Amino acid sequence: MSWAGPYQYDIGKSRDAEATPAEVVFDPKVPTLLCLSHLRWSFVYQRPQHLMTRFARDFNVLFLEEPIATEADQPWLEVRPAENDVQVLIPRLPDGCTGEAAERVQKGLVDGYLDRLEVKDLLLWFYTPMALSYAEHLKPRVVIYDCMDELSAFRGAPPELIEREKQLLERADLVFTGGYSLWEAKRELHDNAHPFPSSVDVEHFASARDRRADPEDQAAIGRPRLGFYGVIDERFDIELVGSVAELRPDWQFVLVGPVVKIDPADLPRRNNIHYLGAKTYDELPSYLGGWDVAIMPFAMNESTRFISPTKTPEYLAGGCPVVSTPIRDVVRTYGDTGIVRIADTTQAFVEAVEASLDDAADRERLLETADQILGEMSWDHTWTLMKEKISCAM
């Protein structure tokens, strides 16, 4: 079947689900930043959302997701305006439209929409090197690669990703990384690479310090509570959580977040482990405010070798002591702070939690230390520094 176009663009609504139509905000007098992402805008609020909503103050921001299958006979582009003036673009491809055909269709959808908006001044921002397959022909003023993770180490990564990243590194004018370990790896491959580790919206998470009423699904859970929020996937050490929960049945484990790329049946099931599912970004402080200790039980494997978890400063902003496995960037940034404790075995994790419960009891010292650590560690600060680098490259 041919999918040569012309293509359709549905603005402000989806054919597959009810959505409230909204005005598409586009100012032809300012440059357009096209962000090419492997992450869904509406999945988990993290680095791309923090940065793109801020860049939308200076650019027309288009956030292009990976395609989703449609029952329609012809491909089309869903344009879903999101909060803070970011337009979310979702290619909808018919079943059977895969491989090179899918790449040609996505190229046509992107070209058509940029032509429709009469974009003259373009910047490209890559989160996934795989997007080169349909965006390599574009002629932007600046190409930015924000390498937030070592994607090739993740479960299910396409085999051609490593080669595509090599091509992207040759094309990019600027490379940003999500942590120092990742920067140490990428600076050998690009002479204009800069580390921008995880930042935090301090005001948002500081509301957890008020310790208001618990959300309904957390209110009945006893104490002490050990909490985690984030994606539960191959980076999460489910065996460690199960072992600690077995050793300390009096501790309650509150795990907030979607389960992805692992079988839910493999998760440890005990009376003191509570899976509360995914929550919105706005809801997270209300859960964090009800925890005694925040935990980061990451598995020590290839997928976590270069991570710099955003949740570390978020937990601290919320006034919660932290226990983490020895993730390299966590150790180097927070390991000597006294309120982020590192544990590499089940018994060490238990002992670190016990010490953290003492930290939580000395709340005045905990909050004072957390504020000293956070300093200028804000997304606004990161955004400002990134803008300076981009201005120099333009």
Protein backbone atom coordinates (compact mmCIF):
# COMPACT_ATOMS: atom_id res chain seq x y z
CA MET A 1 0.00 0.00 0.00
CA SER A 2 1.17 3.53 -0.76
CA TRP A 3 1.17 6.22 1.89
CA ALA A 4 2.64 8.96 -0.23
CA GLY A 5 0.29 11.70 0.98
CA PRO A 6 -1.10 14.30 0.95
CA TYR A 7 -1.36 13.93 4.72
CA GLN A 8 -3.95 15.15 7.16
CA TYR A 9 -3.34 17.17 10.32
CA ASP A 10 -5.91 17.07 13.11
CA ILE A 11 -5.37 20.07 15.36
CA GLY A 12 -6.59 20.22 18.95
CA LYS A 13 -8.26 16.80 19.04
CA SER A 14 -7.68 13.11 18.51
CA ARG A 15 -9.74 10.84 16.27
CA ASP A 16 -9.17 8.00 18.73
CA ALA A 17 -10.18 9.72 21.96
CA GLU A 18 -12.21 12.66 23.18
CA ALA A 19 -10.12 15.77 23.70
CA THR A 20 -10.91 19.41 24.25
CA PRO A 21 -9.98 21.49 21.19
CA ALA A 22 -7.47 24.20 22.03
CA GLU A 23 -5.95 27.05 20.11
CA VAL A 24 -2.56 26.31 18.60
CA VAL A 25 -0.14 29.02 19.66
CA PHE A 26 2.45 29.86 17.00
CA ASP A 27 4.36 33.10 16.58
CA PRO A 28 6.00 33.34 13.12
CA LYS A 29 8.32 36.08 14.40
CA VAL A 30 10.28 33.77 16.72
CA PRO A 31 12.38 30.66 15.97
CA THR A 32 10.84 27.20 16.15
CA LEU A 33 12.38 24.47 18.30
CA LEU A 34 11.43 20.98 17.14
CA CYS A 35 12.04 18.43 19.90
CA LEU A 36 12.27 14.79 18.75
CA SER A 37 11.55 12.48 21.67
CA HIS A 38 11.28 8.78 22.49
CA LEU A 39 9.26 9.72 25.60
CA ARG A 40 5.56 10.54 25.68
CA TRP A 41 4.71 14.04 26.82
CA SER A 42 1.87 12.77 29.01
CA PHE A 43 3.66 9.70 30.47
CA VAL A 44 5.97 10.86 33.28
CA TYR A 45 6.79 14.54 33.88
CA GLN A 46 10.57 14.72 33.75
CA ARG A 47 13.52 16.42 32.06
CA PRO A 48 11.98 17.02 28.60
CA GLN A 49 8.81 18.56 30.05
CA HIS A 50 10.72 20.78 32.48
CA LEU A 51 12.98 22.10 29.74
CA MET A 52 10.54 22.41 26.85
CA THR A 53 7.97 24.35 28.89
CA ARG A 54 10.72 26.83 29.71
CA PHE A 55 12.04 27.03 26.15
CA ALA A 56 8.47 27.78 25.05
CA ARG A 57 8.98 31.25 26.56
CA ASP A 58 11.45 32.04 23.77
CA PHE A 59 10.59 29.64 20.93
CA ASN A 60 7.68 27.98 19.23
CA VAL A 61 8.16 24.50 20.71
CA LEU A 62 6.96 21.44 18.79
CA PHE A 63 7.32 18.16 20.70
CA LEU A 64 7.30 15.23 18.28
CA GLU A 65 6.66 11.81 19.80
CA GLU A 66 7.24 8.37 18.31
CA PRO A 67 4.37 7.09 16.14
CA ILE A 68 1.26 5.30 17.37
CA ALA A 69 -0.77 2.82 15.32
CA THR A 70 -4.13 3.95 13.95
CA GLU A 71 -7.06 2.06 12.47
CA ALA A 72 -7.30 4.63 9.68
CA ASP A 73 -6.25 3.66 6.16
CA GLN A 74 -4.01 6.70 5.79
CA PRO A 75 -1.42 8.18 8.15
CA TRP A 76 -2.08 11.50 9.81
CA LEU A 77 -0.52 13.80 12.38
CA GLU A 78 -2.29 14.49 15.63
CA VAL A 79 -1.45 17.97 16.93
CA ARG A 80 -2.25 18.17 20.61
CA PRO A 81 -1.52 21.54 22.21
CA ALA A 82 -0.32 21.01 25.76
CA GLU A 83 0.16 23.24 28.74
CA ASN A 84 2.63 26.11 28.55
CA ASP A 85 2.22 26.52 24.79
CA VAL A 86 4.06 23.33 23.79
CA GLN A 87 2.48 21.65 20.77
CA VAL A 88 2.60 17.87 21.01
CA LEU A 89 2.79 16.10 17.63
CA ILE A 90 1.93 12.40 17.37
CA PRO A 91 2.31 10.57 14.03
CA ARG A 92 -0.53 8.09 13.55
CA LEU A 93 0.53 5.27 11.22
CA PRO A 94 -1.67 2.48 9.83
CA ASP A 95 -0.91 -1.14 10.64
CA GLY A 96 1.67 -2.39 8.18
CA CYS A 97 3.38 0.98 7.84
CA THR A 98 6.77 0.05 9.28
CA GLY A 99 10.47 0.22 8.47
CA GLU A 100 11.51 2.48 5.61
CA ALA A 101 7.89 3.17 4.72
CA ALA A 102 7.25 4.51 8.23
CA GLU A 103 10.34 6.69 8.00
CA ARG A 104 9.18 8.16 4.67
CA VAL A 105 5.72 8.84 6.07
CA GLN A 106 7.06 10.52 9.21
CA LYS A 107 9.33 12.66 7.04
CA GLY A 108 6.33 13.70 4.97
CA LEU A 109 4.21 14.45 8.04
CA VAL A 110 6.93 16.62 9.60
CA ASP A 111 7.76 18.43 6.37
CA GLY A 112 4.10 19.11 5.68
CA TYR A 113 3.43 20.50 9.13
CA LEU A 114 6.53 22.74 9.11
CA ASP A 115 5.47 24.02 5.68
CA ARG A 116 1.96 24.61 6.96
CA LEU A 117 3.34 26.73 9.81
CA GLU A 118 5.73 28.45 7.37
CA VAL A 119 8.70 27.75 9.63
CA LYS A 120 11.74 29.64 8.41
CA ASP A 121 14.02 29.58 11.45
CA LEU A 122 14.40 26.08 12.90
CA LEU A 123 16.34 24.49 15.76
CA LEU A 124 16.41 20.71 16.25
CA TRP A 125 16.55 19.14 19.71
CA PHE A 126 17.09 15.37 19.80
CA TYR A 127 16.32 13.04 22.68
CA THR A 128 16.47 9.99 20.46
CA PRO A 129 19.06 9.40 17.71
CA MET A 130 16.49 7.21 15.96
CA ALA A 131 14.71 10.37 14.80
CA LEU A 132 17.55 10.99 12.35
CA SER A 133 15.83 8.54 10.01
CA TYR A 134 13.16 11.13 9.18
CA ALA A 135 14.77 14.43 10.29
CA GLU A 136 18.28 14.24 8.87
CA HIS A 137 17.31 16.24 5.77
CA LEU A 138 16.08 19.26 7.74
CA LYS A 139 18.27 22.35 7.71
CA PRO A 140 18.16 23.86 11.20
CA ARG A 141 20.27 26.70 12.47
CA VAL A 142 21.42 24.59 15.45
CA VAL A 143 21.26 20.87 16.28
CA ILE A 144 21.19 19.96 19.99
CA TYR A 145 21.48 16.42 21.35
CA ASP A 146 20.27 16.25 24.94
CA CYS A 147 21.54 12.81 25.94
CA MET A 148 19.61 12.18 29.14
CA ASP A 149 20.26 8.40 29.25
CA GLU A 150 22.43 5.76 27.60
CA LEU A 151 19.49 4.46 25.57
CA SER A 152 21.46 1.64 23.95
CA ALA A 153 21.70 -0.05 27.37
CA PHE A 154 17.93 -0.12 27.89
CA ARG A 155 15.85 -3.23 27.38
CA GLY A 156 14.34 -3.35 23.91
CA ALA A 157 16.73 -0.79 22.38
CA PRO A 158 16.89 -1.12 18.57
CA PRO A 159 20.21 -2.59 17.37
CA GLU A 160 20.85 0.32 15.02
CA LEU A 161 20.67 2.89 17.82
CA ILE A 162 24.45 2.96 18.42
CA GLU A 163 25.18 3.73 14.77
CA ARG A 164 22.46 6.38 14.68
CA GLU A 165 23.96 8.04 17.73
CA LYS A 166 27.35 8.17 16.04
CA GLN A 167 25.70 9.95 13.12
CA LEU A 168 23.89 12.34 15.45
CA LEU A 169 27.09 13.18 17.30
CA GLU A 170 28.69 14.07 13.95
CA ARG A 171 25.73 16.29 13.08
CA ALA A 172 25.15 17.97 16.46
CA ASP A 173 26.42 21.45 17.25
CA LEU A 174 25.84 20.97 20.98
CA VAL A 175 25.63 17.95 23.25
CA PHE A 176 24.06 18.13 26.70
CA THR A 177 24.12 15.16 29.07
CA GLY A 178 21.86 14.20 31.96
CA GLY A 179 24.77 13.63 34.35
CA TYR A 180 28.52 13.74 34.82
CA SER A 181 29.16 10.06 34.13
CA LEU A 182 27.35 10.33 30.83
CA TRP A 183 29.28 13.50 30.02
CA GLU A 184 32.58 11.72 30.67
CA ALA A 185 31.56 9.15 28.08
CA LYS A 186 30.24 11.56 25.45
CA ARG A 187 32.93 14.25 25.70
CA GLU A 188 35.32 11.78 24.08
CA LEU A 189 32.99 11.74 21.07
CA HIS A 190 32.10 15.45 20.78
CA ASP A 191 34.16 18.55 21.49
CA ASN A 192 31.18 20.71 22.54
CA ALA A 193 29.59 18.50 25.22
CA HIS A 194 28.34 19.90 28.53
CA PRO A 195 27.00 18.16 31.67
CA PHE A 196 23.60 19.25 32.93
CA PRO A 197 22.65 16.82 35.70
CA SER A 198 19.22 16.48 37.19
CA SER A 199 17.61 19.66 38.48
CA VAL A 200 14.56 20.27 40.63
CA ASP A 201 11.50 22.47 40.87
CA VAL A 202 12.17 23.31 44.52
CA GLU A 203 8.96 25.23 45.13
CA HIS A 204 6.82 22.40 43.76
CA PHE A 205 8.34 19.66 45.92
CA ALA A 206 8.89 21.85 48.99
CA SER A 207 5.12 21.76 49.45
CA ALA A 208 5.67 18.21 50.73
CA ARG A 209 7.28 19.68 53.84
CA ASP A 210 3.88 20.91 55.03
CA ARG A 211 2.87 17.27 55.63
CA ARG A 212 -0.80 17.76 54.92
CA ALA A 213 -3.42 15.01 54.80
CA ASP A 214 -2.37 11.86 52.95
CA PRO A 215 -3.91 10.96 49.58
CA GLU A 216 -6.74 8.50 50.03
CA ASP A 217 -4.82 5.43 48.81
CA GLN A 218 -1.88 6.15 51.14
CA ALA A 219 -3.74 7.27 54.26
CA ALA A 220 -4.37 3.79 55.67
CA ILE A 221 -0.78 2.60 55.22
CA GLY A 222 1.14 2.35 58.49
CA ARG A 223 4.52 3.75 59.44
CA PRO A 224 7.39 3.98 59.06
CA ARG A 225 6.91 4.45 55.33
CA LEU A 226 9.65 4.00 52.76
CA GLY A 227 8.61 5.60 49.49
CA PHE A 228 9.63 5.56 45.84
CA TYR A 229 8.08 7.24 42.81
CA GLY A 230 9.11 6.78 39.22
CA VAL A 231 8.98 4.23 36.45
CA ILE A 232 9.31 0.66 37.72
CA ASP A 233 11.29 -1.07 34.98
CA GLU A 234 14.53 -3.01 34.43
CA ARG A 235 16.41 -0.33 36.37
CA PHE A 236 14.46 -1.12 39.55
CA ASP A 237 15.93 -3.76 41.86
CA ILE A 238 12.80 -5.75 42.70
CA GLU A 239 14.80 -8.44 44.49
CA LEU A 240 16.35 -5.90 46.85
CA VAL A 241 12.95 -4.43 47.72
CA GLY A 242 11.55 -7.90 48.36
CA SER A 243 14.49 -8.87 50.56
CA VAL A 244 14.38 -5.71 52.68
CA ALA A 245 10.61 -5.97 53.04
CA GLU A 246 10.99 -9.55 54.25
CA LEU A 247 13.67 -8.61 56.78
CA ARG A 248 11.65 -5.70 58.13
CA PRO A 249 7.93 -6.55 57.97
CA ASP A 250 7.22 -3.55 60.23
CA TRP A 251 8.34 -1.16 57.48
CA GLN A 252 5.82 -0.15 54.81
CA PHE A 253 7.03 0.20 51.20
CA VAL A 254 5.03 2.67 49.09
CA LEU A 255 5.85 2.34 45.38
CA VAL A 256 4.30 4.96 43.11
CA GLY A 257 4.63 4.72 39.35
CA PRO A 258 3.85 2.71 36.22
CA VAL A 259 5.30 -0.77 35.65
CA VAL A 260 7.05 -0.85 32.27
CA LYS A 261 9.06 -3.50 30.37
CA ILE A 262 8.91 -6.00 33.22
CA ASP A 263 6.22 -8.54 34.03
CA PRO A 264 4.06 -7.31 36.94
CA ALA A 265 3.89 -10.94 38.06
CA ASP A 266 7.63 -10.76 38.85
CA LEU A 267 7.16 -7.97 41.39
CA PRO A 268 7.53 -8.96 45.07
CA ARG A 269 4.18 -9.32 46.80
CA ARG A 270 4.04 -8.87 50.55
CA ASN A 271 1.60 -7.26 52.96
CA ASN A 272 4.04 -4.40 53.56
CA ILE A 273 4.63 -3.58 49.87
CA HIS A 274 2.04 -1.25 48.35
CA TYR A 275 1.86 -0.54 44.60
CA LEU A 276 -0.16 2.63 44.10
CA GLY A 277 0.24 3.01 40.33
CA ALA A 278 1.07 6.08 38.27
CA LYS A 279 0.36 9.56 39.61
CA THR A 280 0.54 12.97 38.01
CA TYR A 281 3.42 15.34 38.60
CA ASP A 282 1.14 17.61 40.62
CA GLU A 283 0.20 14.72 42.93
CA LEU A 284 3.74 13.62 43.80
CA PRO A 285 4.42 16.08 46.67
CA SER A 286 1.31 14.90 48.51
CA TYR A 287 2.67 11.33 48.51
CA LEU A 288 6.24 12.39 49.30
CA GLY A 289 5.01 14.42 52.27
CA GLY A 290 3.72 11.24 53.92
CA TRP A 291 6.99 9.27 53.74
CA ASP A 292 9.62 8.90 56.44
CA VAL A 293 12.43 7.86 54.10
CA ALA A 294 12.66 8.06 50.30
CA ILE A 295 14.38 5.13 48.62
CA MET A 296 16.10 4.64 45.27
CA PRO A 297 16.61 0.86 44.96
CA PHE A 298 18.12 0.89 41.51
CA ALA A 299 19.64 -2.28 40.10
CA MET A 300 23.35 -2.07 39.37
CA ASN A 301 23.43 -2.98 35.70
CA GLU A 302 24.19 -1.50 32.27
CA SER A 303 20.91 0.42 32.17
CA THR A 304 21.80 2.34 35.36
CA ARG A 305 25.50 2.87 34.70
CA PHE A 306 25.07 6.47 33.55
CA ILE A 307 21.83 7.58 35.19
CA SER A 308 21.54 10.73 37.29
CA PRO A 309 18.14 10.36 38.97
CA THR A 310 16.02 13.51 39.02
CA LYS A 311 14.22 12.21 42.07
CA THR A 312 17.27 12.68 44.34
CA PRO A 313 16.98 16.48 44.59
CA GLU A 314 13.18 16.22 44.47
CA TYR A 315 13.14 14.00 47.56
CA LEU A 316 15.47 16.43 49.35
CA ALA A 317 13.37 19.42 48.36
CA GLY A 318 10.42 17.61 49.93
CA GLY A 319 12.33 17.25 53.19
CA CYS A 320 12.90 13.50 53.00
CA PRO A 321 16.19 11.69 53.72
CA VAL A 322 17.25 9.31 50.95
CA VAL A 323 18.69 5.81 50.75
CA SER A 324 20.09 4.75 47.38
CA THR A 325 22.04 1.92 45.86
CA PRO A 326 25.52 3.08 44.70
CA ILE A 327 24.56 4.80 41.48
CA ARG A 328 27.73 6.56 40.39
CA ASP A 329 26.32 10.05 39.96
CA VAL A 330 24.38 9.80 43.23
CA VAL A 331 27.52 8.79 45.13
CA ARG A 332 29.69 11.54 43.63
CA THR A 333 27.09 14.29 44.10
CA TYR A 334 25.37 13.36 47.35
CA GLY A 335 27.40 10.58 48.99
CA ASP A 336 29.08 12.81 51.58
CA THR A 337 26.04 14.93 52.47
CA GLY A 338 24.97 12.87 55.46
CA ILE A 339 21.31 12.74 54.45
CA VAL A 340 21.67 10.69 51.25
CA ARG A 341 22.93 7.29 52.36
CA ILE A 342 24.40 4.68 50.04
CA ALA A 343 23.88 0.93 50.45
CA ASP A 344 25.15 -1.90 48.25
CA THR A 345 23.63 -4.95 49.98
CA THR A 346 20.34 -5.88 51.60
CA GLN A 347 21.77 -5.60 55.12
CA ALA A 348 23.47 -2.30 54.31
CA PHE A 349 20.17 -1.00 52.94
CA VAL A 350 18.40 -1.93 56.18
CA GLU A 351 21.06 -0.18 58.25
CA ALA A 352 20.97 2.90 56.02
CA VAL A 353 17.19 3.17 56.41
CA GLU A 354 17.52 2.87 60.18
CA ALA A 355 20.03 5.74 60.18
CA SER A 356 17.80 7.75 57.85
CA LEU A 357 14.87 7.36 60.23
CA ASP A 358 17.09 9.04 62.82
CA ASP A 359 17.84 11.79 60.26
CA ALA A 360 14.13 12.31 59.75
CA ALA A 361 13.62 12.73 63.50
CA ASP A 362 16.10 15.63 63.53
CA ARG A 363 13.96 17.60 61.11
CA GLU A 364 15.58 21.01 61.57
CA ARG A 365 19.03 19.70 60.65
CA LEU A 366 17.59 17.64 57.80
CA LEU A 367 15.89 20.61 56.15
CA GLU A 368 18.86 22.93 56.66
CA THR A 369 21.23 20.40 55.09
CA ALA A 370 18.85 19.72 52.19
CA ASP A 371 18.59 23.43 51.39
CA GLN A 372 22.36 23.79 51.40
CA ILE A 373 22.69 20.87 48.98
CA LEU A 374 20.05 22.15 46.57
CA GLY A 375 21.53 25.64 46.25
CA GLU A 376 21.07 26.73 42.61
CA MET A 377 20.04 23.23 41.53
CA SER A 378 16.90 24.42 39.73
CA TRP A 379 15.44 23.84 36.26
CA ASP A 380 15.34 27.59 35.75
CA HIS A 381 19.09 27.75 36.33
CA THR A 382 19.72 24.80 34.01
CA TRP A 383 17.51 26.34 31.33
CA THR A 384 19.35 29.66 31.56
CA LEU A 385 22.75 28.00 31.16
CA MET A 386 21.50 25.91 28.23
CA LYS A 387 20.17 29.04 26.52
CA GLU A 388 23.59 30.62 26.79
CA LYS A 389 25.23 27.60 25.12
CA ILE A 390 22.62 27.63 22.34
CA SER A 391 23.06 31.37 21.75
CA CYS A 392 26.80 30.83 21.30
CA ALA A 393 26.12 28.08 18.75
CA MET A 394 23.59 30.07 16.70
